[in-house]
PDB file of N, CA and C in Angstrom:
ATOM      1  N   MET A   1     -38.825  43.904-187.245  1.00  0.00           N
ATOM      2  CA  MET A   1     -38.797  42.561-187.765  1.00  0.00           C
ATOM      3  C   MET A   1     -38.072  41.667-186.771  1.00  0.00           C
ATOM      4  N   LYS A   2     -38.490  40.383-186.739  1.00  0.00           N
ATOM      5  CA  LYS A   2     -37.936  39.451-185.765  1.00  0.00           C
ATOM      6  C   LYS A   2     -37.704  38.090-186.418  1.00  0.00           C
ATOM      7  N   VAL A   3     -36.577  37.455-186.062  1.00  0.00           N
ATOM      8  CA  VAL A   3     -36.305  36.076-186.455  1.00  0.00           C
ATOM      9  C   VAL A   3     -36.235  35.262-185.163  1.00  0.00           C
ATOM     10  N   ALA A   4     -37.182  34.328-185.012  1.00  0.00           N
ATOM     11  CA  ALA A   4     -37.203  33.456-183.839  1.00  0.00           C
ATOM     12  C   ALA A   4     -36.944  32.037-184.307  1.00  0.00           C
ATOM     13  N   GLN A   5     -36.196  31.279-183.518  1.00  0.00           N
ATOM     14  CA  GLN A   5     -35.949  29.897-183.912  1.00  0.00           C
ATOM     15  C   GLN A   5     -36.073  28.971-182.722  1.00  0.00           C
ATOM     16  N   THR A   6     -36.328  27.699-183.045  1.00  0.00           N
ATOM     17  CA  THR A   6     -36.446  26.671-182.024  1.00  0.00           C
ATOM     18  C   THR A   6     -35.668  25.440-182.464  1.00  0.00           C
ATOM     19  N   LEU A   7     -35.192  24.702-181.487  1.00  0.00           N
ATOM     20  CA  LEU A   7     -34.555  23.405-181.702  1.00  0.00           C
ATOM     21  C   LEU A   7     -35.501  22.334-181.199  1.00  0.00           C
ATOM     22  N   THR A   8     -35.664  21.260-181.956  1.00  0.00           N
ATOM     23  CA  THR A   8     -36.495  20.149-181.491  1.00  0.00           C
ATOM     24  C   THR A   8     -35.713  18.851-181.611  1.00  0.00           C
ATOM     25  N   GLY A   9     -36.135  17.854-180.833  1.00  0.00           N
ATOM     26  CA  GLY A   9     -35.529  16.529-180.903  1.00  0.00           C
ATOM     27  C   GLY A   9     -34.574  16.217-179.771  1.00  0.00           C
ATOM     28  N   TYR A  10     -34.291  17.177-178.895  1.00  0.00           N
ATOM     29  CA  TYR A  10     -33.386  16.887-177.787  1.00  0.00           C
ATOM     30  C   TYR A  10     -34.152  16.197-176.657  1.00  0.00           C
ATOM     31  N   TYR A  11     -33.443  15.409-175.833  1.00  0.00           N
ATOM     32  CA  TYR A  11     -34.125  14.628-174.808  1.00  0.00           C
ATOM     33  C   TYR A  11     -33.994  15.201-173.416  1.00  0.00           C
ATOM     34  N   THR A  12     -33.085  16.137-173.216  1.00  0.00           N
ATOM     35  CA  THR A  12     -32.927  16.833-171.942  1.00  0.00           C
ATOM     36  C   THR A  12     -32.126  18.089-172.214  1.00  0.00           C
ATOM     37  N   SER A  13     -31.837  18.819-171.169  1.00  0.00           N
ATOM     38  CA  SER A  13     -30.973  19.988-171.328  1.00  0.00           C
ATOM     39  C   SER A  13     -29.932  19.984-170.224  1.00  0.00           C
ATOM     40  N   THR A  14     -28.871  20.724-170.448  1.00  0.00           N
ATOM     41  CA  THR A  14     -27.803  20.850-169.466  1.00  0.00           C
ATOM     42  C   THR A  14     -27.282  22.274-169.535  1.00  0.00           C
ATOM     43  N   THR A  15     -26.513  22.666-168.538  1.00  0.00           N
ATOM     44  CA  THR A  15     -25.984  24.024-168.499  1.00  0.00           C
ATOM     45  C   THR A  15     -24.466  23.995-168.411  1.00  0.00           C
ATOM     46  N   TYR A  16     -23.829  24.776-169.260  1.00  0.00           N
ATOM     47  CA  TYR A  16     -22.385  24.989-169.219  1.00  0.00           C
ATOM     48  C   TYR A  16     -22.155  26.491-169.063  1.00  0.00           C
ATOM     49  N   SER A  17     -21.449  26.878-168.025  1.00  0.00           N
ATOM     50  CA  SER A  17     -21.101  28.290-167.799  1.00  0.00           C
ATOM     51  C   SER A  17     -22.304  29.219-167.928  1.00  0.00           C
ATOM     52  N   GLY A  18     -23.452  28.781-167.395  1.00  0.00           N
ATOM     53  CA  GLY A  18     -24.641  29.615-167.394  1.00  0.00           C
ATOM     54  C   GLY A  18     -25.457  29.599-168.669  1.00  0.00           C
ATOM     55  N   THR A  19     -25.036  28.842-169.687  1.00  0.00           N
ATOM     56  CA  THR A  19     -25.763  28.754-170.949  1.00  0.00           C
ATOM     57  C   THR A  19     -26.442  27.396-171.041  1.00  0.00           C
ATOM     58  N   THR A  20     -27.722  27.381-171.406  1.00  0.00           N
ATOM     59  CA  THR A  20     -28.473  26.136-171.519  1.00  0.00           C
ATOM     60  C   THR A  20     -28.282  25.515-172.898  1.00  0.00           C
ATOM     61  N   TYR A  21     -27.985  24.222-172.913  1.00  0.00           N
ATOM     62  CA  TYR A  21     -27.770  23.441-174.128  1.00  0.00           C
ATOM     63  C   TYR A  21     -28.819  22.344-174.214  1.00  0.00           C
ATOM     64  N   GLY A  22     -29.420  22.159-175.384  1.00  0.00           N
ATOM     65  CA  GLY A  22     -30.242  20.995-175.640  1.00  0.00           C
ATOM     66  C   GLY A  22     -29.319  19.803-175.834  1.00  0.00           C
ATOM     67  N   VAL A  23     -29.655  18.654-175.238  1.00  0.00           N
ATOM     68  CA  VAL A  23     -28.813  17.455-175.335  1.00  0.00           C
ATOM     69  C   VAL A  23     -29.472  16.473-176.304  1.00  0.00           C
ATOM     70  N   TYR A  24     -28.711  16.077-177.328  1.00  0.00           N
ATOM     71  CA  TYR A  24     -29.200  15.164-178.360  1.00  0.00           C
ATOM     72  C   TYR A  24     -28.488  13.828-178.262  1.00  0.00           C
ATOM     73  N   HIS A  25     -29.225  12.758-178.549  1.00  0.00           N
ATOM     74  CA  HIS A  25     -28.620  11.442-178.701  1.00  0.00           C
ATOM     75  C   HIS A  25     -27.841  11.455-180.010  1.00  0.00           C
ATOM     76  N   HIS A  26     -26.716  10.747-180.057  1.00  0.00           N
ATOM     77  CA  HIS A  26     -25.835  10.811-181.228  1.00  0.00           C
ATOM     78  C   HIS A  26     -26.489  10.327-182.523  1.00  0.00           C
ATOM     79  N   THR A  27     -27.608   9.630-182.441  1.00  0.00           N
ATOM     80  CA  THR A  27     -28.262   9.162-183.666  1.00  0.00           C
ATOM     81  C   THR A  27     -29.299  10.152-184.203  1.00  0.00           C
ATOM     82  N   VAL A  28     -29.565  11.220-183.467  1.00  0.00           N
ATOM     83  CA  VAL A  28     -30.607  12.181-183.846  1.00  0.00           C
ATOM     84  C   VAL A  28     -30.000  13.350-184.608  1.00  0.00           C
ATOM     85  N   LYS A  29     -30.681  13.776-185.674  1.00  0.00           N
ATOM     86  CA  LYS A  29     -30.269  14.973-186.401  1.00  0.00           C
ATOM     87  C   LYS A  29     -31.099  16.144-185.885  1.00  0.00           C
ATOM     88  N   PRO A  30     -30.468  17.086-185.191  1.00  0.00           N
ATOM     89  CA  PRO A  30     -31.217  18.220-184.658  1.00  0.00           C
ATOM     90  C   PRO A  30     -31.971  18.973-185.756  1.00  0.00           C
ATOM     91  N   ARG A  31     -33.185  19.369-185.424  1.00  0.00           N
ATOM     92  CA  ARG A  31     -34.045  20.096-186.366  1.00  0.00           C
ATOM     93  C   ARG A  31     -34.180  21.536-185.861  1.00  0.00           C
ATOM     94  N   VAL A  32     -33.898  22.487-186.743  1.00  0.00           N
ATOM     95  CA  VAL A  32     -33.976  23.905-186.406  1.00  0.00           C
ATOM     96  C   VAL A  32     -35.087  24.530-187.234  1.00  0.00           C
ATOM     97  N   THR A  33     -35.984  25.232-186.568  1.00  0.00           N
ATOM     98  CA  THR A  33     -37.083  25.912-187.247  1.00  0.00           C
ATOM     99  C   THR A  33     -36.959  27.407-186.993  1.00  0.00           C
ATOM    100  N   ALA A  34     -37.001  28.194-188.060  1.00  0.00           N
ATOM    101  CA  ALA A  34     -36.954  29.653-187.950  1.00  0.00           C
ATOM    102  C   ALA A  34     -38.270  30.236-188.430  1.00  0.00           C
ATOM    103  N   VAL A  35     -38.754  31.235-187.703  1.00  0.00           N
ATOM    104  CA  VAL A  35     -39.983  31.932-188.074  1.00  0.00           C
ATOM    105  C   VAL A  35     -39.674  33.423-188.129  1.00  0.00           C
ATOM    106  N   VAL A  36     -39.999  34.046-189.252  1.00  0.00           N
ATOM    107  CA  VAL A  36     -39.762  35.477-189.438  1.00  0.00           C
ATOM    108  C   VAL A  36     -41.091  36.208-189.330  1.00  0.00           C
ATOM    109  N   THR A  37     -41.121  37.255-188.505  1.00  0.00           N
ATOM    110  CA  THR A  37     -42.309  38.096-188.402  1.00  0.00           C
ATOM    111  C   THR A  37     -41.919  39.552-188.616  1.00  0.00           C
ATOM    112  N   PRO A  38     -42.706  40.321-189.344  1.00  0.00           N
ATOM    113  CA  PRO A  38     -43.929  39.911-190.013  1.00  0.00           C
ATOM    114  C   PRO A  38     -43.640  38.918-191.142  1.00  0.00           C
ATOM    115  N   ASN A  39     -44.690  38.353-191.708  1.00  0.00           N
ATOM    116  CA  ASN A  39     -44.568  37.303-192.718  1.00  0.00           C
ATOM    117  C   ASN A  39     -43.739  37.761-193.919  1.00  0.00           C
ATOM    118  N   LYS A  40     -42.713  36.969-194.234  1.00  0.00           N
ATOM    119  CA  LYS A  40     -41.831  37.242-195.376  1.00  0.00           C
ATOM    120  C   LYS A  40     -41.808  36.035-196.317  1.00  0.00           C
ATOM    121  N   SER A  41     -42.954  35.436-196.528  1.00  0.00           N
ATOM    122  CA  SER A  41     -43.096  34.260-197.389  1.00  0.00           C
ATOM    123  C   SER A  41     -42.341  34.450-198.700  1.00  0.00           C
ATOM    124  N   GLY A  42     -41.581  33.400-199.083  1.00  0.00           N
ATOM    125  CA  GLY A  42     -40.844  33.430-200.345  1.00  0.00           C
ATOM    126  C   GLY A  42     -39.469  34.050-200.243  1.00  0.00           C
ATOM    127  N   GLN A  43     -39.166  34.705-199.133  1.00  0.00           N
ATOM    128  CA  GLN A  43     -37.850  35.302-198.948  1.00  0.00           C
ATOM    129  C   GLN A  43     -36.853  34.244-198.455  1.00  0.00           C
ATOM    130  N   CYS A  44     -35.618  34.639-198.282  1.00  0.00           N
ATOM    131  CA  CYS A  44     -34.519  33.716-198.004  1.00  0.00           C
ATOM    132  C   CYS A  44     -34.140  33.682-196.521  1.00  0.00           C
ATOM    133  N   GLU A  45     -33.946  32.474-196.018  1.00  0.00           N
ATOM    134  CA  GLU A  45     -33.436  32.251-194.667  1.00  0.00           C
ATOM    135  C   GLU A  45     -32.203  31.362-194.784  1.00  0.00           C
ATOM    136  N   ARG A  46     -31.153  31.694-194.044  1.00  0.00           N
ATOM    137  CA  ARG A  46     -29.934  30.887-194.023  1.00  0.00           C
ATOM    138  C   ARG A  46     -29.667  30.420-192.592  1.00  0.00           C
ATOM    139  N   PHE A  47     -29.091  29.228-192.458  1.00  0.00           N
ATOM    140  CA  PHE A  47     -28.771  28.672-191.152  1.00  0.00           C
ATOM    141  C   PHE A  47     -27.260  28.546-191.019  1.00  0.00           C
ATOM    142  N   GLN A  48     -26.745  28.879-189.848  1.00  0.00           N
ATOM    143  CA  GLN A  48     -25.306  28.789-189.601  1.00  0.00           C
ATOM    144  C   GLN A  48     -25.068  27.943-188.352  1.00  0.00           C
ATOM    145  N   ALA A  49     -24.133  26.995-188.440  1.00  0.00           N
ATOM    146  CA  ALA A  49     -23.765  26.146-187.302  1.00  0.00           C
ATOM    147  C   ALA A  49     -22.300  26.381-186.958  1.00  0.00           C
ATOM    148  N   GLN A  50     -22.032  26.447-185.663  1.00  0.00           N
ATOM    149  CA  GLN A  50     -20.667  26.608-185.184  1.00  0.00           C
ATOM    150  C   GLN A  50     -20.370  25.547-184.126  1.00  0.00           C
ATOM    151  N   GLU A  51     -19.080  25.211-184.006  1.00  0.00           N
ATOM    152  CA  GLU A  51     -18.614  24.271-182.987  1.00  0.00           C
ATOM    153  C   GLU A  51     -17.598  24.968-182.102  1.00  0.00           C
ATOM    154  N   TYR A  52     -17.623  24.631-180.810  1.00  0.00           N
ATOM    155  CA  TYR A  52     -16.681  25.206-179.859  1.00  0.00           C
ATOM    156  C   TYR A  52     -15.500  24.263-179.669  1.00  0.00           C
ATOM    157  N   TYR A  53     -14.326  24.748-179.984  1.00  0.00           N
ATOM    158  CA  TYR A  53     -13.100  23.994-179.713  1.00  0.00           C
ATOM    159  C   TYR A  53     -11.932  24.965-179.672  1.00  0.00           C
ATOM    160  N   SER A  54     -10.846  24.546-179.035  1.00  0.00           N
ATOM    161  CA  SER A  54      -9.645  25.374-178.878  1.00  0.00           C
ATOM    162  C   SER A  54      -9.972  26.739-178.290  1.00  0.00           C
ATOM    163  N   GLY A  55     -10.985  26.772-177.391  1.00  0.00           N
ATOM    164  CA  GLY A  55     -11.314  27.998-176.685  1.00  0.00           C
ATOM    165  C   GLY A  55     -12.102  29.039-177.450  1.00  0.00           C
ATOM    166  N   ALA A  56     -12.653  28.663-178.627  1.00  0.00           N
ATOM    167  CA  ALA A  56     -13.406  29.642-179.426  1.00  0.00           C
ATOM    168  C   ALA A  56     -14.453  28.938-180.286  1.00  0.00           C
ATOM    169  N   TRP A  57     -15.429  29.728-180.774  1.00  0.00           N
ATOM    170  CA  TRP A  57     -16.446  29.221-181.692  1.00  0.00           C
ATOM    171  C   TRP A  57     -15.932  29.313-183.119  1.00  0.00           C
ATOM    172  N   HIS A  58     -16.144  28.234-183.887  1.00  0.00           N
ATOM    173  CA  HIS A  58     -15.693  28.154-185.278  1.00  0.00           C
ATOM    174  C   HIS A  58     -16.874  27.764-186.171  1.00  0.00           C
ATOM    175  N   THR A  59     -17.073  28.494-187.260  1.00  0.00           N
ATOM    176  CA  THR A  59     -18.177  28.203-188.169  1.00  0.00           C
ATOM    177  C   THR A  59     -17.918  26.899-188.908  1.00  0.00           C
ATOM    178  N   LEU A  60     -18.891  25.985-188.830  1.00  0.00           N
ATOM    179  CA  LEU A  60     -18.827  24.715-189.557  1.00  0.00           C
ATOM    180  C   LEU A  60     -19.449  24.862-190.934  1.00  0.00           C
ATOM    181  N   THR A  61     -20.606  25.519-190.974  1.00  0.00           N
ATOM    182  CA  THR A  61     -21.316  25.648-192.241  1.00  0.00           C
ATOM    183  C   THR A  61     -22.328  26.780-192.166  1.00  0.00           C
ATOM    184  N   THR A  62     -22.607  27.371-193.314  1.00  0.00           N
ATOM    185  CA  THR A  62     -23.724  28.293-193.486  1.00  0.00           C
ATOM    186  C   THR A  62     -24.506  27.770-194.680  1.00  0.00           C
ATOM    187  N   SER A  63     -25.782  27.536-194.488  1.00  0.00           N
ATOM    188  CA  SER A  63     -26.591  26.910-195.537  1.00  0.00           C
ATOM    189  C   SER A  63     -26.805  27.850-196.716  1.00  0.00           C
ATOM    190  N   SER A  64     -27.217  27.248-197.805  1.00  0.00           N
ATOM    191  CA  SER A  64     -27.690  28.054-198.928  1.00  0.00           C
ATOM    192  C   SER A  64     -29.081  28.562-198.554  1.00  0.00           C
ATOM    193  N   CYS A  65     -29.684  29.321-199.416  1.00  0.00           N
ATOM    194  CA  CYS A  65     -30.983  29.922-199.155  1.00  0.00           C
ATOM    195  C   CYS A  65     -32.059  28.850-198.977  1.00  0.00           C
ATOM    196  N   VAL A  66     -32.830  28.984-197.900  1.00  0.00           N
ATOM    197  CA  VAL A  66     -34.015  28.156-197.671  1.00  0.00           C
ATOM    198  C   VAL A  66     -35.200  29.111-197.762  1.00  0.00           C
ATOM    199  N   SER A  67     -36.075  28.864-198.703  1.00  0.00           N
ATOM    200  CA  SER A  67     -37.210  29.760-198.927  1.00  0.00           C
ATOM    201  C   SER A  67     -38.221  29.665-197.787  1.00  0.00           C
ATOM    202  N   LEU A  68     -38.626  30.808-197.265  1.00  0.00           N
ATOM    203  CA  LEU A  68     -39.649  30.840-196.223  1.00  0.00           C
ATOM    204  C   LEU A  68     -40.986  30.418-196.817  1.00  0.00           C
ATOM    205  N   ASP A  69     -41.695  29.524-196.126  1.00  0.00           N
ATOM    206  CA  ASP A  69     -42.966  29.018-196.639  1.00  0.00           C
ATOM    207  C   ASP A  69     -44.096  30.036-196.427  1.00  0.00           C
ATOM    208  N   ALA A  70     -45.319  29.633-196.699  1.00  0.00           N
ATOM    209  CA  ALA A  70     -46.469  30.531-196.600  1.00  0.00           C
ATOM    210  C   ALA A  70     -46.660  31.077-195.190  1.00  0.00           C
ATOM    211  N   ASN A  71     -46.146  30.350-194.178  1.00  0.00           N
ATOM    212  CA  ASN A  71     -46.242  30.797-192.794  1.00  0.00           C
ATOM    213  C   ASN A  71     -44.985  31.528-192.328  1.00  0.00           C
ATOM    214  N   SER A  72     -44.115  31.880-193.296  1.00  0.00           N
ATOM    215  CA  SER A  72     -42.860  32.581-193.007  1.00  0.00           C
ATOM    216  C   SER A  72     -41.929  31.734-192.138  1.00  0.00           C
ATOM    217  N   THR A  73     -41.919  30.410-192.414  1.00  0.00           N
ATOM    218  CA  THR A  73     -41.137  29.452-191.641  1.00  0.00           C
ATOM    219  C   THR A  73     -40.151  28.718-192.548  1.00  0.00           C
ATOM    220  N   ALA A  74     -38.962  28.453-192.021  1.00  0.00           N
ATOM    221  CA  ALA A  74     -37.961  27.643-192.725  1.00  0.00           C
ATOM    222  C   ALA A  74     -37.413  26.610-191.743  1.00  0.00           C
ATOM    223  N   VAL A  75     -37.072  25.415-192.248  1.00  0.00           N
ATOM    224  CA  VAL A  75     -36.605  24.319-191.404  1.00  0.00           C
ATOM    225  C   VAL A  75     -35.302  23.762-191.973  1.00  0.00           C
ATOM    226  N   ALA A  76     -34.375  23.419-191.061  1.00  0.00           N
ATOM    227  CA  ALA A  76     -33.120  22.776-191.464  1.00  0.00           C
ATOM    228  C   ALA A  76     -32.829  21.633-190.501  1.00  0.00           C
ATOM    229  N   GLN A  77     -32.181  20.581-191.005  1.00  0.00           N
ATOM    230  CA  GLN A  77     -31.715  19.464-190.174  1.00  0.00           C
ATOM    231  C   GLN A  77     -30.200  19.526-190.145  1.00  0.00           C
ATOM    232  N   LEU A  78     -29.634  19.403-188.958  1.00  0.00           N
ATOM    233  CA  LEU A  78     -28.185  19.433-188.815  1.00  0.00           C
ATOM    234  C   LEU A  78     -27.626  18.021-188.892  1.00  0.00           C
ATOM    235  N   SER A  79     -26.583  17.847-189.662  1.00  0.00           N
ATOM    236  CA  SER A  79     -25.851  16.584-189.695  1.00  0.00           C
ATOM    237  C   SER A  79     -24.493  16.853-189.057  1.00  0.00           C
ATOM    238  N   LEU A  80     -24.304  16.353-187.856  1.00  0.00           N
ATOM    239  CA  LEU A  80     -23.076  16.618-187.114  1.00  0.00           C
ATOM    240  C   LEU A  80     -22.229  15.353-187.078  1.00  0.00           C
ATOM    241  N   THR A  81     -20.976  15.455-187.510  1.00  0.00           N
ATOM    242  CA  THR A  81     -20.082  14.301-187.492  1.00  0.00           C
ATOM    243  C   THR A  81     -19.082  14.458-186.349  1.00  0.00           C
ATOM    244  N   ASN A  82     -18.645  13.329-185.797  1.00  0.00           N
ATOM    245  CA  ASN A  82     -17.734  13.335-184.643  1.00  0.00           C
ATOM    246  C   ASN A  82     -18.224  14.300-183.576  1.00  0.00           C
ATOM    247  N   ALA A  83     -19.514  14.225-183.278  1.00  0.00           N
ATOM    248  CA  ALA A  83     -20.166  15.240-182.467  1.00  0.00           C
ATOM    249  C   ALA A  83     -20.275  14.904-180.984  1.00  0.00           C
ATOM    250  N   VAL A  84     -20.064  13.653-180.599  1.00  0.00           N
ATOM    251  CA  VAL A  84     -20.286  13.247-179.216  1.00  0.00           C
ATOM    252  C   VAL A  84     -19.387  14.054-178.282  1.00  0.00           C
ATOM    253  N   ASP A  85     -20.017  14.593-177.233  1.00  0.00           N
ATOM    254  CA  ASP A  85     -19.358  15.405-176.205  1.00  0.00           C
ATOM    255  C   ASP A  85     -18.820  16.741-176.722  1.00  0.00           C
ATOM    256  N   GLN A  86     -19.280  17.166-177.873  1.00  0.00           N
ATOM    257  CA  GLN A  86     -18.877  18.470-178.412  1.00  0.00           C
ATOM    258  C   GLN A  86     -19.999  19.483-178.187  1.00  0.00           C
ATOM    259  N   LYS A  87     -19.640  20.764-178.220  1.00  0.00           N
ATOM    260  CA  LYS A  87     -20.610  21.839-178.055  1.00  0.00           C
ATOM    261  C   LYS A  87     -20.814  22.542-179.400  1.00  0.00           C
ATOM    262  N   PHE A  88     -22.084  22.813-179.694  1.00  0.00           N
ATOM    263  CA  PHE A  88     -22.454  23.471-180.946  1.00  0.00           C
ATOM    264  C   PHE A  88     -23.441  24.594-180.668  1.00  0.00           C
ATOM    265  N   ARG A  89     -23.543  25.496-181.620  1.00  0.00           N
ATOM    266  CA  ARG A  89     -24.597  26.500-181.581  1.00  0.00           C
ATOM    267  C   ARG A  89     -25.067  26.762-183.004  1.00  0.00           C
ATOM    268  N   VAL A  90     -26.313  27.225-183.124  1.00  0.00           N
ATOM    269  CA  VAL A  90     -26.906  27.458-184.434  1.00  0.00           C
ATOM    270  C   VAL A  90     -27.728  28.743-184.379  1.00  0.00           C
ATOM    271  N   ARG A  91     -27.756  29.448-185.508  1.00  0.00           N
ATOM    272  CA  ARG A  91     -28.593  30.633-185.649  1.00  0.00           C
ATOM    273  C   ARG A  91     -29.059  30.712-187.086  1.00  0.00           C
ATOM    274  N   SER A  92     -30.012  31.582-187.340  1.00  0.00           N
ATOM    275  CA  SER A  92     -30.485  31.753-188.705  1.00  0.00           C
ATOM    276  C   SER A  92     -30.527  33.227-189.052  1.00  0.00           C
ATOM    277  N   GLU A  93     -30.485  33.494-190.337  1.00  0.00           N
ATOM    278  CA  GLU A  93     -30.459  34.863-190.830  1.00  0.00           C
ATOM    279  C   GLU A  93     -31.554  35.067-191.868  1.00  0.00           C
ATOM    280  N   TYR A  94     -32.373  36.075-191.639  1.00  0.00           N
ATOM    281  CA  TYR A  94     -33.286  36.531-192.680  1.00  0.00           C
ATOM    282  C   TYR A  94     -32.463  37.406-193.603  1.00  0.00           C
ATOM    283  N   GLU A  95     -32.452  37.043-194.886  1.00  0.00           N
ATOM    284  CA  GLU A  95     -31.666  37.788-195.872  1.00  0.00           C
ATOM    285  C   GLU A  95     -32.629  38.556-196.771  1.00  0.00           C
ATOM    286  N   HIS A  96     -32.678  39.856-196.582  1.00  0.00           N
ATOM    287  CA  HIS A  96     -33.636  40.642-197.373  1.00  0.00           C
ATOM    288  C   HIS A  96     -33.216  40.657-198.839  1.00  0.00           C
ATOM    289  N   SER A  97     -34.190  40.801-199.689  1.00  0.00           N
ATOM    290  CA  SER A  97     -33.931  40.856-201.128  1.00  0.00           C
ATOM    291  C   SER A  97     -34.397  42.204-201.665  1.00  0.00           C
ATOM    292  N   THR A  98     -34.280  42.369-202.961  1.00  0.00           N
ATOM    293  CA  THR A  98     -34.725  43.620-203.577  1.00  0.00           C
ATOM    294  C   THR A  98     -36.235  43.798-203.453  1.00  0.00           C
ATOM    295  N   LYS A  99     -36.969  42.689-203.203  1.00  0.00           N
ATOM    296  CA  LYS A  99     -38.421  42.781-203.001  1.00  0.00           C
ATOM    297  C   LYS A  99     -38.764  43.404-201.644  1.00  0.00           C
ATOM    298  N   ASP A 100     -37.845  43.301-200.695  1.00  0.00           N
ATOM    299  CA  ASP A 100     -38.085  43.803-199.342  1.00  0.00           C
ATOM    300  C   ASP A 100     -37.225  45.039-199.117  1.00  0.00           C
ATOM    301  N   THR A 101     -37.807  46.191-199.373  1.00  0.00           N
ATOM    302  CA  THR A 101     -37.053  47.442-199.243  1.00  0.00           C
ATOM    303  C   THR A 101     -37.220  48.076-197.867  1.00  0.00           C
ATOM    304  N   THR A 102     -37.994  47.442-196.987  1.00  0.00           N
ATOM    305  CA  THR A 102     -38.257  48.039-195.675  1.00  0.00           C
ATOM    306  C   THR A 102     -37.431  47.427-194.555  1.00  0.00           C
ATOM    307  N   ASN A 103     -36.752  46.314-194.778  1.00  0.00           N
ATOM    308  CA  ASN A 103     -35.994  45.649-193.720  1.00  0.00           C
ATOM    309  C   ASN A 103     -34.568  45.358-194.149  1.00  0.00           C
ATOM    310  N   LEU A 104     -33.696  45.262-193.160  1.00  0.00           N
ATOM    311  CA  LEU A 104     -32.333  44.822-193.391  1.00  0.00           C
ATOM    312  C   LEU A 104     -32.249  43.333-193.089  1.00  0.00           C
ATOM    313  N   SER A 105     -31.152  42.711-193.482  1.00  0.00           N
ATOM    314  CA  SER A 105     -30.930  41.320-193.087  1.00  0.00           C
ATOM    315  C   SER A 105     -30.796  41.271-191.571  1.00  0.00           C
ATOM    316  N   THR A 106     -31.329  40.219-190.949  1.00  0.00           N
ATOM    317  CA  THR A 106     -31.383  40.132-189.492  1.00  0.00           C
ATOM    318  C   THR A 106     -31.063  38.719-189.028  1.00  0.00           C
ATOM    319  N   TRP A 107     -30.151  38.598-188.052  1.00  0.00           N
ATOM    320  CA  TRP A 107     -29.817  37.305-187.448  1.00  0.00           C
ATOM    321  C   TRP A 107     -30.698  37.029-186.245  1.00  0.00           C
ATOM    322  N   SER A 108     -31.000  35.763-186.012  1.00  0.00           N
ATOM    323  CA  SER A 108     -31.653  35.354-184.767  1.00  0.00           C
ATOM    324  C   SER A 108     -30.583  35.293-183.686  1.00  0.00           C
ATOM    325  N   GLY A 109     -31.020  34.981-182.466  1.00  0.00           N
ATOM    326  CA  GLY A 109     -30.061  34.685-181.413  1.00  0.00           C
ATOM    327  C   GLY A 109     -29.512  33.280-181.597  1.00  0.00           C
ATOM    328  N   TRP A 110     -28.513  32.922-180.803  1.00  0.00           N
ATOM    329  CA  TRP A 110     -27.931  31.580-180.864  1.00  0.00           C
ATOM    330  C   TRP A 110     -28.741  30.602-180.023  1.00  0.00           C
ATOM    331  N   LEU A 111     -28.843  29.358-180.512  1.00  0.00           N
ATOM    332  CA  LEU A 111     -29.357  28.237-179.728  1.00  0.00           C
ATOM    333  C   LEU A 111     -28.209  27.243-179.586  1.00  0.00           C
ATOM    334  N   TYR A 112     -28.072  26.649-178.407  1.00  0.00           N
ATOM    335  CA  TYR A 112     -26.913  25.813-178.090  1.00  0.00           C
ATOM    336  C   TYR A 112     -27.324  24.356-177.942  1.00  0.00           C
ATOM    337  N   LEU A 113     -26.431  23.459-178.385  1.00  0.00           N
ATOM    338  CA  LEU A 113     -26.701  22.033-178.276  1.00  0.00           C
ATOM    339  C   LEU A 113     -25.426  21.242-178.091  1.00  0.00           C
ATOM    340  N   THR A 114     -25.595  20.047-177.549  1.00  0.00           N
ATOM    341  CA  THR A 114     -24.486  19.129-177.384  1.00  0.00           C
ATOM    342  C   THR A 114     -24.993  17.727-177.699  1.00  0.00           C
ATOM    343  N   VAL A 115     -24.078  16.797-177.913  1.00  0.00           N
ATOM    344  CA  VAL A 115     -24.430  15.448-178.334  1.00  0.00           C
ATOM    345  C   VAL A 115     -23.806  14.433-177.378  1.00  0.00           C
ATOM    346  N   ARG A 116     -24.594  13.425-176.996  1.00  0.00           N
ATOM    347  CA  ARG A 116     -24.104  12.359-176.113  1.00  0.00           C
ATOM    348  C   ARG A 116     -24.450  11.008-176.694  1.00  0.00           C
ATOM    349  N   ASN A 117     -23.727   9.973-176.250  1.00  0.00           N
ATOM    350  CA  ASN A 117     -24.010   8.598-176.674  1.00  0.00           C
ATOM    351  C   ASN A 117     -25.340   8.120-176.134  1.00  0.00           C
TER     352      ASN A 117
END
């Protein structure tokens, strides 16, 4: 099983310490799309956002369950406050239920973003 995600809405990218970050204008709410394969329509996907400060990553929020649609896709919009010049990352988790006895819960990889004026 695989959880793949994409970020959309950024206008360029930049690199910090070898990691690529999508760069967003401060007025844009980043959109995260997760796709679970094989199809797990109706199952639960959660999104987690973290911010980097004081030399470490800190969890800002983990969403409630977002039901995967008929295409096994879930979408979330990030609302970031005081975000300009800050570093963020986001990932999603497929959360298996009692209906899915063949898979464990699985996290996607991290996607990185930053915000500029």
